[in-house]
Amino acid sequence: MSDVTIPGGKIRAFVERIENLDTEMLELSEQKKEVFAEAKGDGFDVKILKEIIKLRKQDQEERDERESMLDLYMRAMEQAGSEKVAKAA
């Protein structure tokens, strides 16, 4: 075996920092759940709030493109549905 020394103290420090961050993330996640529960208690639709948060993370161009594609797909489905009805008649 070679004479490589592993800095155990430094490894421990990294591990402990990561563990602390994991704990903080769990606490923040719990706080987030509480805020959603509060919003729901006030009569707000949590799914809609989550969608708003998701949209706010996107830039305007990305949102516009997604909206256009959604509209295009919806119109295509509606058109295909009306074609089925016309063929059945």
PDB file of N, CA and C in Angstrom:
ATOM      1  N   MET A   1       0.843  -1.181   0.000  1.00  0.00           N
ATOM      2  CA  MET A   1       0.000   0.000   0.000  1.00  0.00           C
ATOM      3  C   MET A   1       0.886   1.241   0.000  1.00  0.00           C
ATOM      4  N   SER A   2       0.489   2.275  -0.689  1.00  0.00           N
ATOM      5  CA  SER A   2       1.297   3.495  -0.778  1.00  0.00           C
ATOM      6  C   SER A   2       1.125   4.358   0.464  1.00  0.00           C
ATOM      7  N   ASP A   3       1.987   5.334   0.596  1.00  0.00           N
ATOM      8  CA  ASP A   3       1.967   6.220   1.757  1.00  0.00           C
ATOM      9  C   ASP A   3       1.099   7.451   1.514  1.00  0.00           C
ATOM     10  N   VAL A   4      -0.106   7.249   1.008  1.00  0.00           N
ATOM     11  CA  VAL A   4      -1.022   8.360   0.759  1.00  0.00           C
ATOM     12  C   VAL A   4      -1.814   8.609   2.034  1.00  0.00           C
ATOM     13  N   THR A   5      -1.797   9.835   2.486  1.00  0.00           N
ATOM     14  CA  THR A   5      -2.580  10.167   3.677  1.00  0.00           C
ATOM     15  C   THR A   5      -3.894  10.802   3.251  1.00  0.00           C
ATOM     16  N   ILE A   6      -4.940  10.340   3.868  1.00  0.00           N
ATOM     17  CA  ILE A   6      -6.270  10.869   3.572  1.00  0.00           C
ATOM     18  C   ILE A   6      -6.628  11.848   4.681  1.00  0.00           C
ATOM     19  N   PRO A   7      -6.948  13.081   4.312  1.00  0.00           N
ATOM     20  CA  PRO A   7      -7.275  14.093   5.328  1.00  0.00           C
ATOM     21  C   PRO A   7      -8.666  13.843   5.923  1.00  0.00           C
ATOM     22  N   GLY A   8      -8.701  12.975   6.929  1.00  0.00           N
ATOM     23  CA  GLY A   8      -9.968  12.589   7.552  1.00  0.00           C
ATOM     24  C   GLY A   8     -10.754  13.758   8.107  1.00  0.00           C
ATOM     25  N   GLY A   9     -10.055  14.722   8.681  1.00  0.00           N
ATOM     26  CA  GLY A   9     -10.744  15.885   9.252  1.00  0.00           C
ATOM     27  C   GLY A   9     -11.472  16.687   8.189  1.00  0.00           C
ATOM     28  N   LYS A  10     -10.837  16.820   7.046  1.00  0.00           N
ATOM     29  CA  LYS A  10     -11.447  17.579   5.954  1.00  0.00           C
ATOM     30  C   LYS A  10     -12.659  16.825   5.393  1.00  0.00           C
ATOM     31  N   ILE A  11     -12.519  15.499   5.269  1.00  0.00           N
ATOM     32  CA  ILE A  11     -13.640  14.681   4.795  1.00  0.00           C
ATOM     33  C   ILE A  11     -14.815  14.809   5.756  1.00  0.00           C
ATOM     34  N   ARG A  12     -14.527  14.715   7.059  1.00  0.00           N
ATOM     35  CA  ARG A  12     -15.579  14.839   8.071  1.00  0.00           C
ATOM     36  C   ARG A  12     -16.272  16.203   7.964  1.00  0.00           C
ATOM     37  N   ALA A  13     -15.498  17.246   7.737  1.00  0.00           N
ATOM     38  CA  ALA A  13     -16.074  18.592   7.623  1.00  0.00           C
ATOM     39  C   ALA A  13     -17.026  18.676   6.430  1.00  0.00           C
ATOM     40  N   PHE A  14     -16.621  18.111   5.285  1.00  0.00           N
ATOM     41  CA  PHE A  14     -17.504  18.112   4.115  1.00  0.00           C
ATOM     42  C   PHE A  14     -18.785  17.330   4.399  1.00  0.00           C
ATOM     43  N   VAL A  15     -18.623  16.143   4.984  1.00  0.00           N
ATOM     44  CA  VAL A  15     -19.784  15.301   5.282  1.00  0.00           C
ATOM     45  C   VAL A  15     -20.737  16.023   6.229  1.00  0.00           C
ATOM     46  N   GLU A  16     -20.207  16.639   7.268  1.00  0.00           N
ATOM     47  CA  GLU A  16     -21.052  17.335   8.235  1.00  0.00           C
ATOM     48  C   GLU A  16     -21.752  18.533   7.610  1.00  0.00           C
ATOM     49  N   ARG A  17     -21.055  19.251   6.740  1.00  0.00           N
ATOM     50  CA  ARG A  17     -21.692  20.386   6.055  1.00  0.00           C
ATOM     51  C   ARG A  17     -22.846  19.903   5.188  1.00  0.00           C
ATOM     52  N   ILE A  18     -22.626  18.814   4.466  1.00  0.00           N
ATOM     53  CA  ILE A  18     -23.680  18.268   3.604  1.00  0.00           C
ATOM     54  C   ILE A  18     -24.853  17.788   4.453  1.00  0.00           C
ATOM     55  N   GLU A  19     -24.558  17.122   5.558  1.00  0.00           N
ATOM     56  CA  GLU A  19     -25.627  16.666   6.451  1.00  0.00           C
ATOM     57  C   GLU A  19     -26.422  17.847   6.998  1.00  0.00           C
ATOM     58  N   ASN A  20     -25.732  18.919   7.358  1.00  0.00           N
ATOM     59  CA  ASN A  20     -26.419  20.116   7.847  1.00  0.00           C
ATOM     60  C   ASN A  20     -27.313  20.717   6.771  1.00  0.00           C
ATOM     61  N   LEU A  21     -26.818  20.742   5.543  1.00  0.00           N
ATOM     62  CA  LEU A  21     -27.630  21.257   4.435  1.00  0.00           C
ATOM     63  C   LEU A  21     -28.855  20.379   4.199  1.00  0.00           C
ATOM     64  N   ASP A  22     -28.679  19.060   4.300  1.00  0.00           N
ATOM     65  CA  ASP A  22     -29.819  18.148   4.160  1.00  0.00           C
ATOM     66  C   ASP A  22     -30.874  18.434   5.227  1.00  0.00           C
ATOM     67  N   THR A  23     -30.425  18.669   6.450  1.00  0.00           N
ATOM     68  CA  THR A  23     -31.345  18.985   7.541  1.00  0.00           C
ATOM     69  C   THR A  23     -32.081  20.293   7.264  1.00  0.00           C
ATOM     70  N   GLU A  24     -31.349  21.297   6.803  1.00  0.00           N
ATOM     71  CA  GLU A  24     -31.972  22.582   6.474  1.00  0.00           C
ATOM     72  C   GLU A  24     -32.989  22.429   5.350  1.00  0.00           C
ATOM     73  N   MET A  25     -32.645  21.606   4.355  1.00  0.00           N
ATOM     74  CA  MET A  25     -33.568  21.397   3.236  1.00  0.00           C
ATOM     75  C   MET A  25     -34.852  20.720   3.715  1.00  0.00           C
ATOM     76  N   LEU A  26     -34.735  19.768   4.631  1.00  0.00           N
ATOM     77  CA  LEU A  26     -35.923  19.121   5.185  1.00  0.00           C
ATOM     78  C   LEU A  26     -36.786  20.125   5.938  1.00  0.00           C
ATOM     79  N   GLU A  27     -36.141  20.985   6.718  1.00  0.00           N
ATOM     80  CA  GLU A  27     -36.870  22.009   7.465  1.00  0.00           C
ATOM     81  C   GLU A  27     -37.570  22.979   6.516  1.00  0.00           C
ATOM     82  N   LEU A  28     -36.880  23.389   5.457  1.00  0.00           N
ATOM     83  CA  LEU A  28     -37.486  24.292   4.476  1.00  0.00           C
ATOM     84  C   LEU A  28     -38.646  23.623   3.758  1.00  0.00           C
ATOM     85  N   SER A  29     -38.490  22.346   3.458  1.00  0.00           N
ATOM     86  CA  SER A  29     -39.564  21.596   2.805  1.00  0.00           C
ATOM     87  C   SER A  29     -40.795  21.546   3.711  1.00  0.00           C
ATOM     88  N   GLU A  30     -40.572  21.348   4.984  1.00  0.00           N
ATOM     89  CA  GLU A  30     -41.665  21.326   5.952  1.00  0.00           C
ATOM     90  C   GLU A  30     -42.349  22.692   6.013  1.00  0.00           C
ATOM     91  N   GLN A  31     -41.570  23.759   6.021  1.00  0.00           N
ATOM     92  CA  GLN A  31     -42.134  25.111   6.038  1.00  0.00           C
ATOM     93  C   GLN A  31     -42.948  25.373   4.777  1.00  0.00           C
ATOM     94  N   LYS A  32     -42.455  24.892   3.659  1.00  0.00           N
ATOM     95  CA  LYS A  32     -43.156  25.059   2.388  1.00  0.00           C
ATOM     96  C   LYS A  32     -44.512  24.350   2.442  1.00  0.00           C
ATOM     97  N   LYS A  33     -44.528  23.132   2.986  1.00  0.00           N
ATOM     98  CA  LYS A  33     -45.787  22.395   3.139  1.00  0.00           C
ATOM     99  C   LYS A  33     -46.767  23.174   4.014  1.00  0.00           C
ATOM    100  N   GLU A  34     -46.246  23.778   5.066  1.00  0.00           N
ATOM    101  CA  GLU A  34     -47.092  24.556   5.969  1.00  0.00           C
ATOM    102  C   GLU A  34     -47.706  25.758   5.253  1.00  0.00           C
ATOM    103  N   VAL A  35     -46.927  26.421   4.404  1.00  0.00           N
ATOM    104  CA  VAL A  35     -47.436  27.574   3.651  1.00  0.00           C
ATOM    105  C   VAL A  35     -48.530  27.121   2.690  1.00  0.00           C
ATOM    106  N   PHE A  36     -48.305  25.996   2.002  1.00  0.00           N
ATOM    107  CA  PHE A  36     -49.333  25.478   1.100  1.00  0.00           C
ATOM    108  C   PHE A  36     -50.596  25.100   1.877  1.00  0.00           C
ATOM    109  N   ALA A  37     -50.428  24.494   3.047  1.00  0.00           N
ATOM    110  CA  ALA A  37     -51.578  24.132   3.877  1.00  0.00           C
ATOM    111  C   ALA A  37     -52.338  25.383   4.315  1.00  0.00           C
ATOM    112  N   GLU A  38     -51.613  26.423   4.661  1.00  0.00           N
ATOM    113  CA  GLU A  38     -52.239  27.693   5.051  1.00  0.00           C
ATOM    114  C   GLU A  38     -53.019  28.283   3.878  1.00  0.00           C
ATOM    115  N   ALA A  39     -52.419  28.259   2.705  1.00  0.00           N
ATOM    116  CA  ALA A  39     -53.088  28.783   1.508  1.00  0.00           C
ATOM    117  C   ALA A  39     -54.354  27.982   1.222  1.00  0.00           C
ATOM    118  N   LYS A  40     -54.254  26.656   1.350  1.00  0.00           N
ATOM    119  CA  LYS A  40     -55.422  25.800   1.126  1.00  0.00           C
ATOM    120  C   LYS A  40     -56.507  26.112   2.152  1.00  0.00           C
ATOM    121  N   GLY A  41     -56.097  26.331   3.388  1.00  0.00           N
ATOM    122  CA  GLY A  41     -57.040  26.688   4.444  1.00  0.00           C
ATOM    123  C   GLY A  41     -57.749  28.004   4.171  1.00  0.00           C
ATOM    124  N   ASP A  42     -57.092  28.893   3.450  1.00  0.00           N
ATOM    125  CA  ASP A  42     -57.693  30.176   3.077  1.00  0.00           C
ATOM    126  C   ASP A  42     -58.505  30.069   1.792  1.00  0.00           C
ATOM    127  N   GLY A  43     -58.624  28.837   1.258  1.00  0.00           N
ATOM    128  CA  GLY A  43     -59.475  28.621   0.097  1.00  0.00           C
ATOM    129  C   GLY A  43     -58.779  28.684  -1.253  1.00  0.00           C
ATOM    130  N   PHE A  44     -57.466  28.736  -1.261  1.00  0.00           N
ATOM    131  CA  PHE A  44     -56.742  28.797  -2.526  1.00  0.00           C
ATOM    132  C   PHE A  44     -56.452  27.390  -3.040  1.00  0.00           C
ATOM    133  N   ASP A  45     -56.428  27.245  -4.359  1.00  0.00           N
ATOM    134  CA  ASP A  45     -56.130  25.970  -5.000  1.00  0.00           C
ATOM    135  C   ASP A  45     -54.613  25.802  -5.059  1.00  0.00           C
ATOM    136  N   VAL A  46     -54.106  24.839  -4.326  1.00  0.00           N
ATOM    137  CA  VAL A  46     -52.663  24.626  -4.216  1.00  0.00           C
ATOM    138  C   VAL A  46     -52.051  24.240  -5.566  1.00  0.00           C
ATOM    139  N   LYS A  47     -52.769  23.464  -6.361  1.00  0.00           N
ATOM    140  CA  LYS A  47     -52.246  23.081  -7.681  1.00  0.00           C
ATOM    141  C   LYS A  47     -52.017  24.315  -8.548  1.00  0.00           C
ATOM    142  N   ILE A  48     -52.927  25.260  -8.472  1.00  0.00           N
ATOM    143  CA  ILE A  48     -52.792  26.496  -9.249  1.00  0.00           C
ATOM    144  C   ILE A  48     -51.608  27.310  -8.730  1.00  0.00           C
ATOM    145  N   LEU A  49     -51.458  27.385  -7.422  1.00  0.00           N
ATOM    146  CA  LEU A  49     -50.317  28.108  -6.853  1.00  0.00           C
ATOM    147  C   LEU A  49     -48.997  27.487  -7.315  1.00  0.00           C
ATOM    148  N   LYS A  50     -48.933  26.160  -7.327  1.00  0.00           N
ATOM    149  CA  LYS A  50     -47.714  25.477  -7.780  1.00  0.00           C
ATOM    150  C   LYS A  50     -47.459  25.747  -9.259  1.00  0.00           C
ATOM    151  N   GLU A  51     -48.524  25.805 -10.046  1.00  0.00           N
ATOM    152  CA  GLU A  51     -48.379  26.108 -11.475  1.00  0.00           C
ATOM    153  C   GLU A  51     -47.850  27.533 -11.662  1.00  0.00           C
ATOM    154  N   ILE A  52     -48.356  28.468 -10.871  1.00  0.00           N
ATOM    155  CA  ILE A  52     -47.878  29.854 -10.943  1.00  0.00           C
ATOM    156  C   ILE A  52     -46.388  29.917 -10.610  1.00  0.00           C
ATOM    157  N   ILE A  53     -45.990  29.209  -9.569  1.00  0.00           N
ATOM    158  CA  ILE A  53     -44.578  29.190  -9.174  1.00  0.00           C
ATOM    159  C   ILE A  53     -43.725  28.619 -10.299  1.00  0.00           C
ATOM    160  N   LYS A  54     -44.197  27.546 -10.911  1.00  0.00           N
ATOM    161  CA  LYS A  54     -43.483  26.924 -12.030  1.00  0.00           C
ATOM    162  C   LYS A  54     -43.353  27.896 -13.199  1.00  0.00           C
ATOM    163  N   LEU A  55     -44.437  28.600 -13.516  1.00  0.00           N
ATOM    164  CA  LEU A  55     -44.417  29.553 -14.623  1.00  0.00           C
ATOM    165  C   LEU A  55     -43.488  30.728 -14.337  1.00  0.00           C
ATOM    166  N   ARG A  56     -43.469  31.188 -13.095  1.00  0.00           N
ATOM    167  CA  ARG A  56     -42.616  32.328 -12.741  1.00  0.00           C
ATOM    168  C   ARG A  56     -41.131  31.992 -12.847  1.00  0.00           C
ATOM    169  N   LYS A  57     -40.802  30.699 -12.768  1.00  0.00           N
ATOM    170  CA  LYS A  57     -39.406  30.281 -12.905  1.00  0.00           C
ATOM    171  C   LYS A  57     -38.954  30.310 -14.360  1.00  0.00           C
ATOM    172  N   GLN A  58     -39.911  30.249 -15.289  1.00  0.00           N
ATOM    173  CA  GLN A  58     -39.588  30.267 -16.713  1.00  0.00           C
ATOM    174  C   GLN A  58     -39.457  31.708 -17.185  1.00  0.00           C
ATOM    175  N   ASP A  59     -38.632  31.917 -18.207  1.00  0.00           N
ATOM    176  CA  ASP A  59     -38.584  33.258 -18.772  1.00  0.00           C
ATOM    177  C   ASP A  59     -39.789  33.440 -19.698  1.00  0.00           C
ATOM    178  N   GLN A  60     -40.082  34.673 -20.035  1.00  0.00           N
ATOM    179  CA  GLN A  60     -41.283  35.007 -20.798  1.00  0.00           C
ATOM    180  C   GLN A  60     -41.311  34.297 -22.149  1.00  0.00           C
ATOM    181  N   GLU A  61     -40.179  34.227 -22.816  1.00  0.00           N
ATOM    182  CA  GLU A  61     -40.123  33.583 -24.133  1.00  0.00           C
ATOM    183  C   GLU A  61     -40.475  32.098 -24.027  1.00  0.00           C
ATOM    184  N   GLU A  62     -39.940  31.454 -23.014  1.00  0.00           N
ATOM    185  CA  GLU A  62     -40.219  30.033 -22.794  1.00  0.00           C
ATOM    186  C   GLU A  62     -41.701  29.815 -22.485  1.00  0.00           C
ATOM    187  N   ARG A  63     -42.270  30.698 -21.670  1.00  0.00           N
ATOM    188  CA  ARG A  63     -43.704  30.602 -21.348  1.00  0.00           C
ATOM    189  C   ARG A  63     -44.551  30.785 -22.587  1.00  0.00           C
ATOM    190  N   ASP A  64     -44.208  31.795 -23.403  1.00  0.00           N
ATOM    191  CA  ASP A  64     -44.969  32.060 -24.629  1.00  0.00           C
ATOM    192  C   ASP A  64     -44.915  30.869 -25.576  1.00  0.00           C
ATOM    193  N   GLU A  65     -43.729  30.281 -25.710  1.00  0.00           N
ATOM    194  CA  GLU A  65     -43.572  29.130 -26.601  1.00  0.00           C
ATOM    195  C   GLU A  65     -44.406  27.947 -26.102  1.00  0.00           C
ATOM    196  N   ARG A  66     -44.365  27.714 -24.809  1.00  0.00           N
ATOM    197  CA  ARG A  66     -45.137  26.609 -24.226  1.00  0.00           C
ATOM    198  C   ARG A  66     -46.633  26.840 -24.414  1.00  0.00           C
ATOM    199  N   GLU A  67     -47.063  28.057 -24.194  1.00  0.00           N
ATOM    200  CA  GLU A  67     -48.470  28.404 -24.363  1.00  0.00           C
ATOM    201  C   GLU A  67     -48.912  28.207 -25.813  1.00  0.00           C
ATOM    202  N   SER A  68     -48.075  28.604 -26.759  1.00  0.00           N
ATOM    203  CA  SER A  68     -48.379  28.436 -28.183  1.00  0.00           C
ATOM    204  C   SER A  68     -48.508  26.965 -28.547  1.00  0.00           C
ATOM    205  N   MET A  69     -47.584  26.159 -28.043  1.00  0.00           N
ATOM    206  CA  MET A  69     -47.636  24.725 -28.331  1.00  0.00           C
ATOM    207  C   MET A  69     -48.881  24.090 -27.713  1.00  0.00           C
ATOM    208  N   LEU A  70     -49.211  24.486 -26.509  1.00  0.00           N
ATOM    209  CA  LEU A  70     -50.408  23.975 -25.847  1.00  0.00           C
ATOM    210  C   LEU A  70     -51.648  24.329 -26.659  1.00  0.00           C
ATOM    211  N   ASP A  71     -51.730  25.576 -27.097  1.00  0.00           N
ATOM    212  CA  ASP A  71     -52.859  26.033 -27.907  1.00  0.00           C
ATOM    213  C   ASP A  71     -52.929  25.256 -29.220  1.00  0.00           C
ATOM    214  N   LEU A  72     -51.788  25.067 -29.868  1.00  0.00           N
ATOM    215  CA  LEU A  72     -51.728  24.326 -31.126  1.00  0.00           C
ATOM    216  C   LEU A  72     -52.234  22.896 -30.940  1.00  0.00           C
ATOM    217  N   TYR A  73     -51.773  22.229 -29.903  1.00  0.00           N
ATOM    218  CA  TYR A  73     -52.190  20.850 -29.643  1.00  0.00           C
ATOM    219  C   TYR A  73     -53.684  20.776 -29.327  1.00  0.00           C
ATOM    220  N   MET A  74     -54.170  21.715 -28.533  1.00  0.00           N
ATOM    221  CA  MET A  74     -55.599  21.718 -28.183  1.00  0.00           C
ATOM    222  C   MET A  74     -56.456  21.903 -29.428  1.00  0.00           C
ATOM    223  N   ARG A  75     -56.071  22.840 -30.295  1.00  0.00           N
ATOM    224  CA  ARG A  75     -56.833  23.063 -31.531  1.00  0.00           C
ATOM    225  C   ARG A  75     -56.785  21.841 -32.431  1.00  0.00           C
ATOM    226  N   ALA A  76     -55.632  21.178 -32.507  1.00  0.00           N
ATOM    227  CA  ALA A  76     -55.501  19.974 -33.328  1.00  0.00           C
ATOM    228  C   ALA A  76     -56.411  18.865 -32.806  1.00  0.00           C
ATOM    229  N   MET A  77     -56.483  18.713 -31.494  1.00  0.00           N
ATOM    230  CA  MET A  77     -57.366  17.703 -30.908  1.00  0.00           C
ATOM    231  C   MET A  77     -58.824  18.024 -31.183  1.00  0.00           C
ATOM    232  N   GLU A  78     -59.192  19.285 -31.018  1.00  0.00           N
ATOM    233  CA  GLU A  78     -60.573  19.695 -31.266  1.00  0.00           C
ATOM    234  C   GLU A  78     -60.948  19.462 -32.722  1.00  0.00           C
ATOM    235  N   GLN A  79     -60.030  19.780 -33.610  1.00  0.00           N
ATOM    236  CA  GLN A  79     -60.275  19.598 -35.036  1.00  0.00           C
ATOM    237  C   GLN A  79     -60.430  18.108 -35.352  1.00  0.00           C
ATOM    238  N   ALA A  80     -59.593  17.271 -34.772  1.00  0.00           N
ATOM    239  CA  ALA A  80     -59.687  15.828 -34.995  1.00  0.00           C
ATOM    240  C   ALA A  80     -61.001  15.290 -34.441  1.00  0.00           C
ATOM    241  N   GLY A  81     -61.440  15.838 -33.313  1.00  0.00           N
ATOM    242  CA  GLY A  81     -62.713  15.424 -32.721  1.00  0.00           C
ATOM    243  C   GLY A  81     -63.890  15.793 -33.596  1.00  0.00           C
ATOM    244  N   SER A  82     -63.876  16.979 -34.199  1.00  0.00           N
ATOM    245  CA  SER A  82     -64.982  17.406 -35.056  1.00  0.00           C
ATOM    246  C   SER A  82     -64.984  16.624 -36.361  1.00  0.00           C
ATOM    247  N   GLU A  83     -63.810  16.193 -36.822  1.00  0.00           N
ATOM    248  CA  GLU A  83     -63.734  15.362 -38.029  1.00  0.00           C
ATOM    249  C   GLU A  83     -64.353  13.992 -37.773  1.00  0.00           C
ATOM    250  N   LYS A  84     -64.152  13.432 -36.571  1.00  0.00           N
ATOM    251  CA  LYS A  84     -64.749  12.151 -36.209  1.00  0.00           C
ATOM    252  C   LYS A  84     -66.266  12.250 -36.208  1.00  0.00           C
ATOM    253  N   VAL A  85     -66.781  13.341 -35.640  1.00  0.00           N
ATOM    254  CA  VAL A  85     -68.224  13.554 -35.561  1.00  0.00           C
ATOM    255  C   VAL A  85     -68.799  13.683 -36.964  1.00  0.00           C
ATOM    256  N   ALA A  86     -68.117  14.395 -37.841  1.00  0.00           N
ATOM    257  CA  ALA A  86     -68.590  14.590 -39.216  1.00  0.00           C
ATOM    258  C   ALA A  86     -68.614  13.263 -39.967  1.00  0.00           C
ATOM    259  N   LYS A  87     -67.627  12.413 -39.760  1.00  0.00           N
ATOM    260  CA  LYS A  87     -67.580  11.111 -40.428  1.00  0.00           C
ATOM    261  C   LYS A  87     -68.678  10.190 -39.910  1.00  0.00           C
ATOM    262  N   ALA A  88     -68.986  10.288 -38.623  1.00  0.00           N
ATOM    263  CA  ALA A  88     -70.005   9.436 -38.021  1.00  0.00           C
ATOM    264  C   ALA A  88     -71.396   9.806 -38.514  1.00  0.00           C
ATOM    265  N   ALA A  89     -71.593  11.053 -38.882  1.00  0.00           N
ATOM    266  CA  ALA A  89     -72.917  11.519 -39.308  1.00  0.00           C
ATOM    267  C   ALA A  89     -73.187  11.155 -40.704  1.00  0.00           C
TER     268      ALA A  89
END
